[in-house]
Amino acid sequence: MTKFVFITGGVVSSIGKGIVAASLGRLLKSRNYSVSILKLDPYINVDPGTMSPYQHGEVFVTSDGAETDLDLGHYERFTDTSVSRLNSVTTGSIYQAVINKERRGDYQGGTVQVIPHITNEIKQRIHRVAKNSNPDVLITEIGGTLGDIESLPFLEAIRQFRKDVGRNNVLYMHVTLLPWIPAAGEIKTKPTQHSVKELRAIGIQPDILICRCDRALPPGLKDKISAFCDVPVESVISAQDASSIYEVPLMLEKEGLAQQTLELFQMEQREPDLTHWQRLIERLHNPTHHLEIAIVGKYIKLTDAYLSVVEALEHAAIAKDTKIKIHWVSAEDVETYGPESFLNGFNGILIPGGFGIRGVDGKIQAIRYARENQIPLLGLCLGMQCSVVEWAKHVALLEEAHSAEFFTDTKNPVIHLLPEQQDVVDLGGTMRLGLYPCRIAPNTLASSLYQEEVIYERHRHRYEFNNAYRNLFLETGYVISGTSPDGRLVEIIELKQHPFFIATQFHPEFSSRPSHPHPLFVGFVQASLDKGQVKQSSTNGSTSQNQQSVAEVSS
């Protein structure tokens, strides 16, 4: 029977529940146990697909086309397994399902209430994941912070869950904060004590405490927490801040998290194999090369909006024994002041995806700058569409060429909606979401990187390359190196007379893993190393203040 771990968080938000869940999954997999991870999000949106990245960070897309919380990306990267739409549940989706059942008469005229109808629906979603993937352990992360009113139905559901499936089949794990108070010169346990008290007030006694802290715990502190929170001292786990999220599994292994989990479940204590993960961390901390990469985007004030891109860069950097310093460059600033003020001297330029017209012309200028100055460029989704517009404007010389997404009456809509998309009204209804095949043309940069004839990549976009202009693009020197198997949809474009210029309609960052870096990102990092430029010290102030290493962004 599947065992169930429920992870809650207290004291503050963004405390790291997702990384704890992903790390525990990695540790159990290293012991040859099968794992699945589920996220319960308390917001009323059905999914984060229509939410601003500034509100929610990146929207992670699963292979089956679900728009989900960014934590699902961590789950996939750490456990090296794909999750599905079943692994993402929101309050909105729960209430929508219950209301639909009520309208159909499924409740036979009964009064529909939070308990039992909403809580039963939540429990059914948990059981559905267990039935679908049949893991040895199902880890469920409860979004939000203990005390939030919107989280109460989820907490009540998981409280009931232990009674439903048996006490020995459920484990409650609570992540809290141990703050260091400089004036007192000590770590304070009171926030953790109060958080556990709040959890116990709703009927849940934590079995394991994960204590976030910025330094090593002094002797005796675990004993104090154990006494006040009624948790065995060996189940009080220290989770100290790390320079990279990929260090966390090894830190929690040293603290005995997986061992305690298996002991409480009365499961076999198998020897872990973390050799590959340890080598990965060694390479992370001992780079032999250094790169300066500019990411030109519109959401740079919240870098979580590009989380998978940052992680994919780190995976490729580790594979190439390289440390990457990311320079976040505002596309709007490039649009206003020109690319020369912000992009001079970088080893490579990356143009990520996005929606809306803000900053688009800045991305187009950045692409032109990379093309004309022979700087390695990787474009993703909107980055590819902007590459098409840039070529149409400055090489093919098409008058007023642009994307119909931004200018519906443009004379030359080189990016447009397909005919079957024209009459769809709902946001998301016209989206191409999830995994789609792509046929790679031989003797291209894409074929040398992928070494495959047909690949499968995840999409999240609405507009497509306009095939009415395909011949013109080919005649003026463009290379279409990847299409849908029927040849209708353009998926990858590249330039031959360039050290590295490639852009994709899909999002390769979603399928990159620490153990399997994506070939496009590996190629981009290698080309950037070959470029061998050194970033000038006199960087424009608005760029330099947003400089971060990949490890810093990850942590």
Protein backbone atom coordinates (compact mmCIF):
# COMPACT_ATOMS: atom_id res chain seq x y z
CA MET A 1 0.00 0.00 0.00
CA THR A 2 1.17 3.53 -0.75
CA LYS A 3 2.47 5.52 2.21
CA PHE A 4 1.51 9.19 2.47
CA VAL A 5 3.71 12.11 3.56
CA PHE A 6 2.03 15.49 4.10
CA ILE A 7 4.28 18.56 4.25
CA THR A 8 2.99 21.78 5.80
CA GLY A 9 4.75 25.09 6.45
CA GLY A 10 4.58 27.63 9.24
CA VAL A 11 5.85 31.01 10.45
CA VAL A 12 6.54 32.57 7.01
CA SER A 13 5.82 31.87 3.35
CA SER A 14 8.51 30.75 0.88
CA ILE A 15 10.07 28.64 3.60
CA GLY A 16 11.11 25.86 1.24
CA LYS A 17 8.41 23.21 1.46
CA GLY A 18 8.77 22.44 -2.24
CA ILE A 19 12.52 21.87 -1.97
CA VAL A 20 12.00 19.68 1.11
CA ALA A 21 9.40 17.62 -0.78
CA ALA A 22 11.64 17.31 -3.83
CA SER A 23 14.69 16.45 -1.69
CA LEU A 24 12.82 13.76 0.23
CA GLY A 25 11.71 12.34 -3.11
CA ARG A 26 15.33 12.24 -4.29
CA LEU A 27 16.49 10.50 -1.09
CA LEU A 28 13.77 7.86 -1.28
CA LYS A 29 14.48 7.24 -4.97
CA SER A 30 18.16 6.81 -4.13
CA ARG A 31 16.98 3.90 -1.98
CA ASN A 32 15.07 2.40 -4.90
CA TYR A 33 11.63 3.41 -3.64
CA SER A 34 9.14 4.75 -6.18
CA VAL A 35 7.86 8.25 -5.43
CA SER A 36 5.25 10.71 -6.64
CA ILE A 37 4.78 14.28 -5.41
CA LEU A 38 1.52 16.24 -5.29
CA LYS A 39 0.98 19.99 -4.72
CA LEU A 40 -2.21 21.31 -3.09
CA ASP A 41 -2.46 25.08 -3.74
CA PRO A 42 -4.96 27.16 -1.76
CA TYR A 43 -5.67 29.88 -4.34
CA ILE A 44 -9.07 30.01 -6.04
CA ASN A 45 -7.68 30.24 -9.58
CA VAL A 46 -8.29 26.94 -11.35
CA ASP A 47 -4.60 26.98 -12.30
CA PRO A 48 -1.84 29.64 -12.47
CA GLY A 49 -2.06 29.88 -16.27
CA THR A 50 -3.72 33.29 -16.31
CA MET A 51 -1.80 34.71 -13.33
CA SER A 52 0.94 37.32 -13.71
CA PRO A 53 4.45 35.97 -13.12
CA TYR A 54 4.86 38.77 -10.58
CA GLN A 55 2.00 37.19 -8.63
CA HIS A 56 3.04 33.59 -8.83
CA GLY A 57 6.41 33.20 -10.51
CA GLU A 58 6.89 30.79 -13.38
CA VAL A 59 4.08 28.66 -14.77
CA PHE A 60 5.50 25.16 -15.12
CA VAL A 61 3.96 23.04 -17.90
CA THR A 62 3.69 19.26 -17.57
CA SER A 63 3.97 16.83 -20.45
CA ASP A 64 0.19 16.38 -20.55
CA GLY A 65 -0.36 20.12 -20.86
CA ALA A 66 -1.23 21.25 -17.33
CA GLU A 67 -0.22 24.76 -16.26
CA THR A 68 1.04 24.32 -12.73
CA ASP A 69 2.95 25.78 -9.81
CA LEU A 70 6.72 26.14 -10.20
CA ASP A 71 7.29 23.62 -7.39
CA LEU A 72 6.31 20.84 -9.80
CA GLY A 73 9.42 21.75 -11.75
CA HIS A 74 11.50 21.11 -8.64
CA TYR A 75 9.74 17.76 -8.18
CA GLU A 76 10.63 16.68 -11.71
CA ARG A 77 14.22 17.95 -11.61
CA PHE A 78 15.07 16.34 -8.26
CA THR A 79 13.37 12.99 -8.82
CA ASP A 80 14.08 12.83 -12.58
CA THR A 81 10.48 11.75 -13.23
CA SER A 82 7.60 13.48 -14.99
CA VAL A 83 4.46 14.50 -13.14
CA SER A 84 1.01 15.05 -14.66
CA ARG A 85 -1.98 17.32 -14.28
CA LEU A 86 -3.15 15.02 -11.47
CA ASN A 87 -0.19 16.22 -9.39
CA SER A 88 -1.45 19.81 -9.23
CA VAL A 89 -4.62 20.63 -7.29
CA THR A 90 -6.00 24.08 -6.48
CA THR A 91 -8.90 25.31 -4.38
CA GLY A 92 -10.44 26.61 -7.61
CA SER A 93 -10.34 23.18 -9.25
CA ILE A 94 -11.79 21.55 -6.11
CA TYR A 95 -14.74 23.95 -5.85
CA GLN A 96 -15.31 23.80 -9.60
CA ALA A 97 -15.57 20.00 -9.45
CA VAL A 98 -17.90 20.04 -6.43
CA ILE A 99 -20.18 22.68 -7.98
CA ASN A 100 -20.34 20.70 -11.24
CA LYS A 101 -21.37 17.61 -9.28
CA GLU A 102 -24.02 19.59 -7.42
CA ARG A 103 -25.43 20.93 -10.69
CA ARG A 104 -25.61 17.40 -12.10
CA GLY A 105 -27.50 16.24 -9.02
CA ASP A 106 -24.75 13.90 -7.81
CA TYR A 107 -25.47 14.85 -4.20
CA GLN A 108 -29.15 13.94 -4.55
CA GLY A 109 -30.48 17.20 -3.21
CA GLY A 110 -28.30 17.30 -0.12
CA THR A 111 -26.80 20.49 1.27
CA VAL A 112 -23.28 20.88 -0.10
CA GLN A 113 -20.76 21.91 2.57
CA VAL A 114 -17.03 22.31 3.09
CA ILE A 115 -17.16 19.24 5.32
CA PRO A 116 -17.64 16.62 4.00
CA HIS A 117 -17.97 17.54 0.31
CA ILE A 118 -14.94 19.79 -0.22
CA THR A 119 -12.69 17.72 2.03
CA ASN A 120 -13.87 14.50 0.37
CA GLU A 121 -13.00 15.94 -3.04
CA ILE A 122 -9.52 16.84 -1.79
CA LYS A 123 -9.00 13.33 -0.43
CA GLN A 124 -10.21 11.82 -3.70
CA ARG A 125 -7.59 13.86 -5.60
CA ILE A 126 -4.86 12.47 -3.33
CA HIS A 127 -6.11 8.91 -3.80
CA ARG A 128 -6.31 9.48 -7.57
CA VAL A 129 -2.57 10.22 -7.77
CA ALA A 130 -1.79 7.16 -5.63
CA LYS A 131 -3.96 4.95 -7.85
CA ASN A 132 -2.61 6.42 -11.09
CA SER A 133 1.13 6.07 -10.37
CA ASN A 134 1.02 3.51 -7.52
CA PRO A 135 4.15 4.86 -5.77
CA ASP A 136 5.67 3.40 -2.65
CA VAL A 137 5.47 6.89 -1.14
CA LEU A 138 3.23 9.80 -2.17
CA ILE A 139 4.52 13.15 -0.91
CA THR A 140 1.92 15.92 -0.73
CA GLU A 141 2.92 19.55 -0.22
CA ILE A 142 0.27 21.89 1.20
CA GLY A 143 0.75 25.35 -0.28
CA GLY A 144 0.54 28.52 1.77
CA THR A 145 1.35 29.03 5.43
CA LEU A 146 -0.29 27.57 8.52
CA GLY A 147 -2.87 30.07 9.76
CA ASP A 148 -4.02 31.13 6.29
CA ILE A 149 -7.80 30.81 6.20
CA GLU A 150 -7.78 29.45 2.64
CA SER A 151 -5.61 26.47 3.67
CA LEU A 152 -8.04 25.17 6.30
CA PRO A 153 -10.00 22.75 4.04
CA PHE A 154 -6.74 21.11 2.92
CA LEU A 155 -5.50 20.77 6.50
CA GLU A 156 -8.81 19.29 7.61
CA ALA A 157 -8.69 16.83 4.70
CA ILE A 158 -5.20 15.59 5.55
CA ARG A 159 -6.19 15.38 9.24
CA GLN A 160 -8.98 13.03 8.26
CA PHE A 161 -6.69 11.10 5.92
CA ARG A 162 -4.79 9.30 8.69
CA LYS A 163 -8.05 7.87 10.05
CA ASP A 164 -9.10 6.80 6.55
CA VAL A 165 -5.96 4.89 5.52
CA GLY A 166 -4.49 3.89 8.89
CA ARG A 167 -2.16 5.61 11.35
CA ASN A 168 0.98 3.79 10.16
CA ASN A 169 0.42 4.85 6.55
CA VAL A 170 0.48 8.64 7.10
CA LEU A 171 3.30 10.94 8.21
CA TYR A 172 3.01 14.65 8.93
CA MET A 173 6.08 16.80 8.26
CA HIS A 174 6.12 20.47 9.29
CA VAL A 175 8.63 23.04 7.99
CA THR A 176 9.25 26.02 10.28
CA LEU A 177 11.70 28.88 10.79
CA LEU A 178 14.37 29.25 13.48
CA PRO A 179 15.32 32.93 13.17
CA TRP A 180 18.65 34.31 14.33
CA ILE A 181 18.15 37.50 16.37
CA PRO A 182 21.37 39.58 16.08
CA ALA A 183 20.59 41.77 19.11
CA ALA A 184 20.14 38.70 21.31
CA GLY A 185 22.93 36.77 19.64
CA GLU A 186 20.92 33.56 19.51
CA ILE A 187 18.52 31.42 17.50
CA LYS A 188 14.93 31.64 18.71
CA THR A 189 12.65 28.59 18.84
CA LYS A 190 9.45 30.39 19.86
CA PRO A 191 8.14 30.83 16.27
CA THR A 192 8.47 27.08 15.77
CA GLN A 193 6.76 26.35 19.08
CA HIS A 194 3.82 28.59 18.18
CA SER A 195 3.55 27.12 14.69
CA VAL A 196 3.38 23.59 16.06
CA LYS A 197 0.82 24.72 18.63
CA GLU A 198 -1.32 26.13 15.80
CA LEU A 199 -1.03 22.86 13.87
CA ARG A 200 -1.97 20.80 16.91
CA ALA A 201 -4.99 23.05 17.50
CA ILE A 202 -6.53 21.75 14.27
CA GLY A 203 -5.79 18.15 15.17
CA ILE A 204 -2.44 17.43 13.52
CA GLN A 205 0.62 16.45 15.53
CA PRO A 206 3.76 16.66 13.38
CA ASP A 207 5.89 13.51 13.23
CA ILE A 208 8.96 15.29 11.80
CA LEU A 209 10.02 18.93 12.11
CA ILE A 210 12.17 20.54 9.42
CA CYS A 211 13.78 23.61 10.97
CA ARG A 212 15.00 26.25 8.52
CA CYS A 213 17.96 28.27 9.80
CA ASP A 214 20.82 30.32 8.43
CA ARG A 215 23.51 28.69 10.59
CA ALA A 216 24.37 25.51 12.46
CA LEU A 217 22.19 24.81 15.50
CA PRO A 218 23.96 25.08 18.86
CA PRO A 219 24.08 21.99 21.13
CA GLY A 220 20.91 21.35 23.02
CA LEU A 221 18.58 23.31 20.74
CA LYS A 222 17.10 20.20 19.15
CA ASP A 223 16.40 18.83 22.64
CA LYS A 224 14.55 22.05 23.52
CA ILE A 225 12.44 21.90 20.35
CA SER A 226 11.76 18.21 20.96
CA ALA A 227 10.55 18.89 24.51
CA PHE A 228 8.29 21.82 23.62
CA CYS A 229 6.86 20.35 20.40
CA ASP A 230 6.51 16.72 21.48
CA VAL A 231 8.61 15.44 18.59
CA PRO A 232 11.44 12.89 19.13
CA VAL A 233 14.81 14.64 19.01
CA GLU A 234 15.97 12.46 16.11
CA SER A 235 12.95 13.73 14.16
CA VAL A 236 13.99 17.36 14.58
CA ILE A 237 15.81 17.99 11.29
CA SER A 238 18.03 21.00 10.69
CA ALA A 239 17.73 22.55 7.22
CA GLN A 240 20.47 25.15 7.01
CA ASP A 241 20.63 27.66 4.14
CA ALA A 242 22.59 26.38 1.13
CA SER A 243 24.35 28.12 -1.74
CA SER A 244 22.44 25.88 -4.18
CA ILE A 245 19.17 24.01 -3.85
CA TYR A 246 20.94 20.91 -5.17
CA GLU A 247 22.92 20.68 -1.93
CA VAL A 248 19.76 20.25 0.13
CA PRO A 249 19.21 16.50 -0.46
CA LEU A 250 22.71 15.72 0.81
CA MET A 251 22.24 18.00 3.82
CA LEU A 252 18.93 16.34 4.71
CA GLU A 253 20.47 12.91 4.18
CA LYS A 254 23.15 13.79 6.71
CA GLU A 255 20.41 14.88 9.13
CA GLY A 256 18.69 11.51 8.73
CA LEU A 257 15.43 12.66 7.09
CA ALA A 258 14.92 9.61 4.87
CA GLN A 259 15.96 7.24 7.64
CA GLN A 260 13.41 8.77 10.01
CA THR A 261 10.69 8.67 7.35
CA LEU A 262 11.25 4.98 6.65
CA GLU A 263 11.43 4.17 10.35
CA LEU A 264 8.12 5.87 11.08
CA PHE A 265 6.55 4.00 8.15
CA GLN A 266 8.16 0.73 9.31
CA MET A 267 9.68 0.32 5.85
CA GLU A 268 12.95 -1.38 4.99
CA GLN A 269 16.06 0.77 5.59
CA ARG A 270 17.85 0.43 2.25
CA GLU A 271 21.32 1.76 1.51
CA PRO A 272 21.14 4.98 -0.53
CA ASP A 273 23.07 5.49 -3.76
CA LEU A 274 23.82 9.21 -3.97
CA THR A 275 27.13 8.88 -5.80
CA HIS A 276 25.96 10.70 -8.92
CA TRP A 277 24.37 13.49 -6.87
CA GLN A 278 27.57 13.94 -4.85
CA ARG A 279 29.61 14.20 -8.07
CA LEU A 280 27.15 16.78 -9.34
CA ILE A 281 27.70 18.94 -6.23
CA GLU A 282 31.47 18.55 -6.50
CA ARG A 283 31.38 19.82 -10.09
CA LEU A 284 29.06 22.64 -9.05
CA HIS A 285 31.55 23.90 -6.49
CA ASN A 286 34.71 23.39 -8.54
CA PRO A 287 34.16 25.11 -11.90
CA THR A 288 37.07 25.61 -14.28
CA HIS A 289 35.36 28.19 -16.50
CA HIS A 290 33.38 31.39 -16.01
CA LEU A 291 30.62 32.88 -18.16
CA GLU A 292 28.63 36.10 -18.21
CA ILE A 293 25.16 35.53 -19.69
CA ALA A 294 22.51 38.21 -20.25
CA ILE A 295 18.85 37.25 -19.94
CA VAL A 296 16.72 39.91 -21.62
CA GLY A 297 13.22 39.71 -20.15
CA LYS A 298 10.26 41.69 -18.89
CA TYR A 299 9.82 40.08 -15.44
CA ILE A 300 13.35 40.57 -14.13
CA LYS A 301 12.19 42.05 -10.79
CA LEU A 302 11.02 38.55 -9.86
CA THR A 303 13.52 36.08 -11.22
CA ASP A 304 11.27 33.14 -10.23
CA ALA A 305 9.37 34.07 -13.40
CA TYR A 306 12.24 32.41 -15.30
CA LEU A 307 13.07 29.71 -12.76
CA SER A 308 13.29 26.75 -15.16
CA VAL A 309 15.48 28.77 -17.53
CA VAL A 310 17.89 29.52 -14.68
CA GLU A 311 17.90 25.89 -13.58
CA ALA A 312 18.51 24.64 -17.14
CA LEU A 313 21.47 27.01 -17.41
CA GLU A 314 22.86 25.61 -14.18
CA HIS A 315 22.47 22.02 -15.40
CA ALA A 316 24.41 22.85 -18.56
CA ALA A 317 27.00 24.83 -16.58
CA ILE A 318 27.63 21.86 -14.28
CA ALA A 319 28.06 19.59 -17.31
CA LYS A 320 30.65 22.02 -18.72
CA ASP A 321 32.47 22.67 -15.40
CA THR A 322 31.40 26.29 -15.61
CA LYS A 323 30.10 28.98 -13.29
CA ILE A 324 27.57 31.30 -14.88
CA LYS A 325 26.84 34.80 -13.67
CA ILE A 326 23.44 35.89 -14.91
CA HIS A 327 22.87 39.54 -15.75
CA TRP A 328 19.18 40.40 -15.71
CA VAL A 329 18.54 42.97 -18.43
CA SER A 330 15.20 44.75 -18.71
CA ALA A 331 13.77 44.43 -22.21
CA GLU A 332 12.05 47.77 -21.64
CA ASP A 333 15.39 49.43 -20.88
CA VAL A 334 16.87 48.00 -24.08
CA GLU A 335 13.82 49.28 -25.95
CA THR A 336 14.29 52.79 -24.49
CA TYR A 337 18.07 53.21 -24.47
CA GLY A 338 19.30 50.72 -27.07
CA PRO A 339 21.17 47.39 -26.71
CA GLU A 340 24.69 48.86 -26.72
CA SER A 341 24.15 50.29 -23.22
CA PHE A 342 23.31 46.89 -21.74
CA LEU A 343 24.62 44.01 -23.88
CA ASN A 344 28.21 44.89 -24.67
CA GLY A 345 30.73 42.17 -23.88
CA PHE A 346 28.56 39.25 -22.76
CA ASN A 347 29.46 35.67 -23.62
CA GLY A 348 25.87 34.88 -24.60
CA ILE A 349 22.37 36.33 -24.74
CA LEU A 350 19.19 34.43 -23.86
CA ILE A 351 15.70 35.66 -24.79
CA PRO A 352 13.03 33.87 -22.69
CA GLY A 353 9.30 33.50 -23.26
CA GLY A 354 6.47 35.73 -22.12
CA PHE A 355 3.13 37.25 -23.07
CA GLY A 356 2.09 40.81 -23.93
CA ILE A 357 3.66 43.62 -25.91
CA ARG A 358 5.62 45.25 -23.08
CA GLY A 359 9.34 44.96 -23.82
CA VAL A 360 8.89 43.12 -27.12
CA ASP A 361 10.74 45.74 -29.17
CA GLY A 362 13.58 45.58 -26.63
CA LYS A 363 13.85 41.83 -27.21
CA ILE A 364 13.87 42.41 -30.97
CA GLN A 365 16.71 44.94 -30.59
CA ALA A 366 18.65 42.51 -28.40
CA ILE A 367 18.26 39.76 -31.01
CA ARG A 368 19.49 42.06 -33.76
CA TYR A 369 22.47 43.03 -31.61
CA ALA A 370 23.34 39.35 -31.03
CA ARG A 371 22.92 38.52 -34.71
CA GLU A 372 25.01 41.39 -36.03
CA ASN A 373 27.74 41.06 -33.38
CA GLN A 374 28.04 37.26 -33.62
CA ILE A 375 27.09 36.72 -29.96
CA PRO A 376 25.65 33.26 -29.14
CA LEU A 377 21.89 33.54 -28.78
CA LEU A 378 19.22 31.17 -27.49
CA GLY A 379 15.57 32.20 -27.98
CA LEU A 380 12.67 30.48 -26.24
CA CYS A 381 9.02 30.67 -27.33
CA LEU A 382 8.39 34.43 -27.60
CA GLY A 383 12.16 34.64 -28.09
CA MET A 384 11.72 32.67 -31.31
CA GLN A 385 8.80 34.79 -32.45
CA CYS A 386 10.80 37.96 -31.82
CA SER A 387 13.67 36.42 -33.83
CA VAL A 388 11.28 35.92 -36.74
CA VAL A 389 10.04 39.50 -36.50
CA GLU A 390 13.62 40.82 -36.28
CA TRP A 391 14.64 38.97 -39.47
CA ALA A 392 11.50 40.08 -41.28
CA LYS A 393 12.16 43.72 -40.40
CA HIS A 394 15.90 43.99 -40.93
CA VAL A 395 16.88 41.28 -43.43
CA ALA A 396 13.77 40.38 -45.43
CA LEU A 397 12.81 44.10 -45.28
CA LEU A 398 9.08 43.45 -44.97
CA GLU A 399 7.26 46.71 -44.35
CA GLU A 400 5.68 46.93 -40.85
CA ALA A 401 6.38 43.25 -40.21
CA HIS A 402 5.34 42.15 -36.73
CA SER A 403 3.31 39.64 -34.75
CA ALA A 404 -0.48 39.75 -35.03
CA GLU A 405 -0.56 39.21 -31.27
CA PHE A 406 0.61 42.78 -30.78
CA PHE A 407 -0.53 44.51 -33.99
CA THR A 408 -3.66 42.94 -35.43
CA ASP A 409 -3.62 45.21 -38.48
CA THR A 410 0.06 44.83 -39.37
CA LYS A 411 0.73 44.59 -43.12
CA ASN A 412 2.98 41.58 -42.69
CA PRO A 413 1.89 39.34 -39.79
CA VAL A 414 4.87 36.95 -39.80
CA ILE A 415 3.50 35.52 -36.52
CA HIS A 416 -0.25 34.85 -36.41
CA LEU A 417 -3.05 32.68 -35.11
CA LEU A 418 -3.91 29.55 -37.05
CA PRO A 419 -7.30 29.63 -38.80
CA GLU A 420 -8.82 27.14 -36.32
CA GLN A 421 -7.85 29.41 -33.43
CA GLN A 422 -9.54 32.56 -34.68
CA ASP A 423 -12.95 32.17 -32.99
CA VAL A 424 -11.80 30.83 -29.61
CA VAL A 425 -12.59 33.34 -26.86
CA ASP A 426 -11.35 31.84 -23.55
CA LEU A 427 -7.78 32.60 -22.52
CA GLY A 428 -5.93 29.32 -22.80
CA GLY A 429 -8.43 27.96 -25.33
CA THR A 430 -6.08 28.78 -28.19
CA MET A 431 -2.96 27.60 -26.38
CA ARG A 432 -0.75 24.78 -27.57
CA LEU A 433 0.10 23.15 -24.24
CA GLY A 434 2.17 20.13 -23.31
CA LEU A 435 4.32 17.65 -25.20
CA TYR A 436 4.41 17.74 -29.02
CA PRO A 437 6.70 15.98 -31.52
CA CYS A 438 9.18 17.87 -33.67
CA ARG A 439 11.05 16.55 -36.70
CA ILE A 440 14.65 17.76 -36.95
CA ALA A 441 16.12 18.63 -40.34
CA PRO A 442 19.45 16.91 -41.10
CA ASN A 443 22.73 18.81 -41.30
CA THR A 444 21.56 21.58 -38.99
CA LEU A 445 22.71 22.91 -35.64
CA ALA A 446 19.59 21.40 -34.07
CA SER A 447 20.43 17.93 -35.43
CA SER A 448 24.01 18.15 -34.16
CA LEU A 449 22.76 19.08 -30.68
CA TYR A 450 19.86 16.64 -30.38
CA GLN A 451 21.34 13.70 -32.31
CA GLU A 452 17.73 12.62 -32.94
CA GLU A 453 15.41 12.75 -35.93
CA VAL A 454 12.25 13.25 -33.86
CA ILE A 455 12.15 14.93 -30.48
CA TYR A 456 9.36 15.71 -28.00
CA GLU A 457 9.20 19.07 -26.24
CA ARG A 458 6.74 21.00 -24.08
CA HIS A 459 4.84 24.01 -25.43
CA ARG A 460 3.00 26.95 -23.95
CA HIS A 461 2.06 29.47 -26.59
CA ARG A 462 -0.77 30.78 -28.69
CA TYR A 463 0.66 32.25 -31.91
CA GLU A 464 2.57 30.47 -34.67
CA PHE A 465 4.98 31.21 -37.53
CA ASN A 466 3.00 32.34 -40.58
CA ASN A 467 3.70 29.86 -43.38
CA ALA A 468 2.75 32.43 -46.02
CA TYR A 469 6.24 33.86 -45.46
CA ARG A 470 8.16 30.59 -45.23
CA ASN A 471 9.64 30.64 -48.74
CA LEU A 472 10.72 34.26 -48.36
CA PHE A 473 12.53 33.47 -45.14
CA LEU A 474 14.28 30.48 -46.69
CA GLU A 475 15.29 32.54 -49.73
CA THR A 476 16.83 35.25 -47.54
CA GLY A 477 19.00 32.78 -45.61
CA TYR A 478 16.86 31.64 -42.69
CA VAL A 479 17.08 28.00 -41.64
CA ILE A 480 13.98 26.17 -40.42
CA SER A 481 15.55 23.23 -38.66
CA GLY A 482 12.57 21.81 -36.80
CA THR A 483 8.89 21.40 -37.72
CA SER A 484 5.89 19.38 -36.67
CA PRO A 485 6.03 15.91 -38.26
CA ASP A 486 3.59 17.00 -40.99
CA GLY A 487 5.81 20.02 -41.75
CA ARG A 488 3.04 22.52 -41.04
CA LEU A 489 4.25 24.17 -37.80
CA VAL A 490 7.66 25.78 -37.49
CA GLU A 491 9.32 24.71 -34.23
CA ILE A 492 13.03 25.64 -34.53
CA ILE A 493 14.82 28.34 -36.49
CA GLU A 494 18.56 29.02 -36.76
CA LEU A 495 21.17 30.94 -38.75
CA LYS A 496 24.10 29.27 -40.48
CA GLN A 497 26.42 32.26 -40.71
CA HIS A 498 26.59 32.64 -36.95
CA PRO A 499 28.55 30.90 -34.16
CA PHE A 500 25.33 29.92 -32.37
CA PHE A 501 21.91 31.35 -33.17
CA ILE A 502 18.95 29.08 -32.47
CA ALA A 503 15.41 29.73 -31.24
CA THR A 504 12.57 27.37 -30.43
CA GLN A 505 8.80 27.70 -30.33
CA PHE A 506 8.75 25.27 -27.39
CA HIS A 507 10.20 25.50 -23.87
CA PRO A 508 13.23 23.18 -23.62
CA GLU A 509 13.92 24.40 -20.08
CA PHE A 510 10.98 22.39 -18.73
CA SER A 511 12.63 19.05 -19.55
CA SER A 512 16.16 19.82 -18.38
CA ARG A 513 17.45 17.84 -15.38
CA PRO A 514 20.60 18.07 -13.24
CA SER A 515 21.51 14.57 -14.34
CA HIS A 516 20.37 15.15 -17.95
CA PRO A 517 21.02 18.74 -19.02
CA HIS A 518 19.10 19.83 -22.09
CA PRO A 519 21.21 19.67 -25.29
CA LEU A 520 20.18 23.16 -26.42
CA PHE A 521 21.40 24.70 -23.17
CA VAL A 522 24.58 22.62 -23.25
CA GLY A 523 25.22 23.82 -26.80
CA PHE A 524 24.51 27.41 -25.80
CA VAL A 525 26.94 27.24 -22.85
CA GLN A 526 29.62 25.62 -25.01
CA ALA A 527 29.21 28.25 -27.73
CA SER A 528 29.40 30.98 -25.09
CA LEU A 529 32.62 29.46 -23.77
CA ASP A 530 34.00 29.36 -27.31
CA LYS A 531 33.09 33.02 -27.75
CA GLY A 532 35.48 33.81 -24.89
CA GLN A 533 34.42 37.39 -24.24
CA VAL A 534 35.10 39.04 -20.90
CA LYS A 535 32.44 41.25 -19.40
CA GLN A 536 33.56 44.84 -19.14
CA SER A 537 33.81 46.23 -15.61
CA SER A 538 32.00 49.45 -16.55
CA THR A 539 28.60 47.76 -16.76
CA ASN A 540 25.57 50.03 -16.87
CA GLY A 541 24.20 50.44 -13.34
CA SER A 542 20.69 49.21 -14.09
CA THR A 543 22.18 45.95 -15.31
CA SER A 544 24.88 45.37 -12.70
CA GLN A 545 22.47 45.72 -9.80
CA ASN A 546 20.65 42.66 -11.11
CA GLN A 547 23.71 40.44 -11.49
CA GLN A 548 23.37 37.04 -9.85
CA SER A 549 25.17 33.77 -10.16
CA VAL A 550 23.13 30.72 -11.07
CA ALA A 551 23.72 29.29 -7.59
CA GLU A 552 22.47 32.51 -5.97
CA VAL A 553 19.31 32.48 -8.07
CA SER A 554 18.71 28.82 -7.26
CA SER A 555 18.99 29.32 -3.52
